Amino acid sequence: MKKLFFISCLLCLTAVCRAQYIGSNYLNMKVDYVVDESQVQGTLGYGKVFKTFRVGANLNYRNLNREQVQANTVTVGPEFAYWLLKGRKFSLLGVASGTIGYQRAKTKSELVYLERCRAFVYGYEVGIRPEVLLSHKVALFAEYRFEMLFNSILRNNNHIGLGCVVYL
């Protein structure tokens, strides 16, 4: 029984130590502050690690609530991250992603006229992400992204975000 327990622990330790290598899946969660619009965006992502890059998908949500404009935006899209620098505890990634989604907005003018609009939005994001590995399964990151979102009330934005990556 003790041998079986020891072998099981050894196999679990091996699986945990392989977490950042080829074939691992990951789950990332982040909160962005959109500098240009003073709003917060939440993102949830899932993907797979390859030899020199990561490929995944993201789900984003943000709510803009101002005096003149109220808007809710939900987008999804693929993400591609390439390791510019990769060390034992620190790595630097270049990030590019595409987005498609839906936006519902209300705008007010000085005459208190309320106009509602719904739009299909699409665009891209490019950025840079320094990442610090806390353990074999968890990493923390900071991120800067530039976003261009076409057919939207908010076209181009600068994002600063913090998040974590869990390697599965």
Foldseek 3Di string as FASTA:
>chain_A
DVVVVVVVVVVVVVVLLCLQAFFWKKKKWKWKQWVVQRWIKIKIKIWGHHHFKIKIKMWMWTWRDDPFKTKIWIKMWMKIWGWPADDDFKTKIKIKIKIWTKMWMWGQDPVRDIDIDIDIKIWMKIWMKMWGHPGSFKIKIWIWMWIAIPPDPDGITIIIMIMMMGID
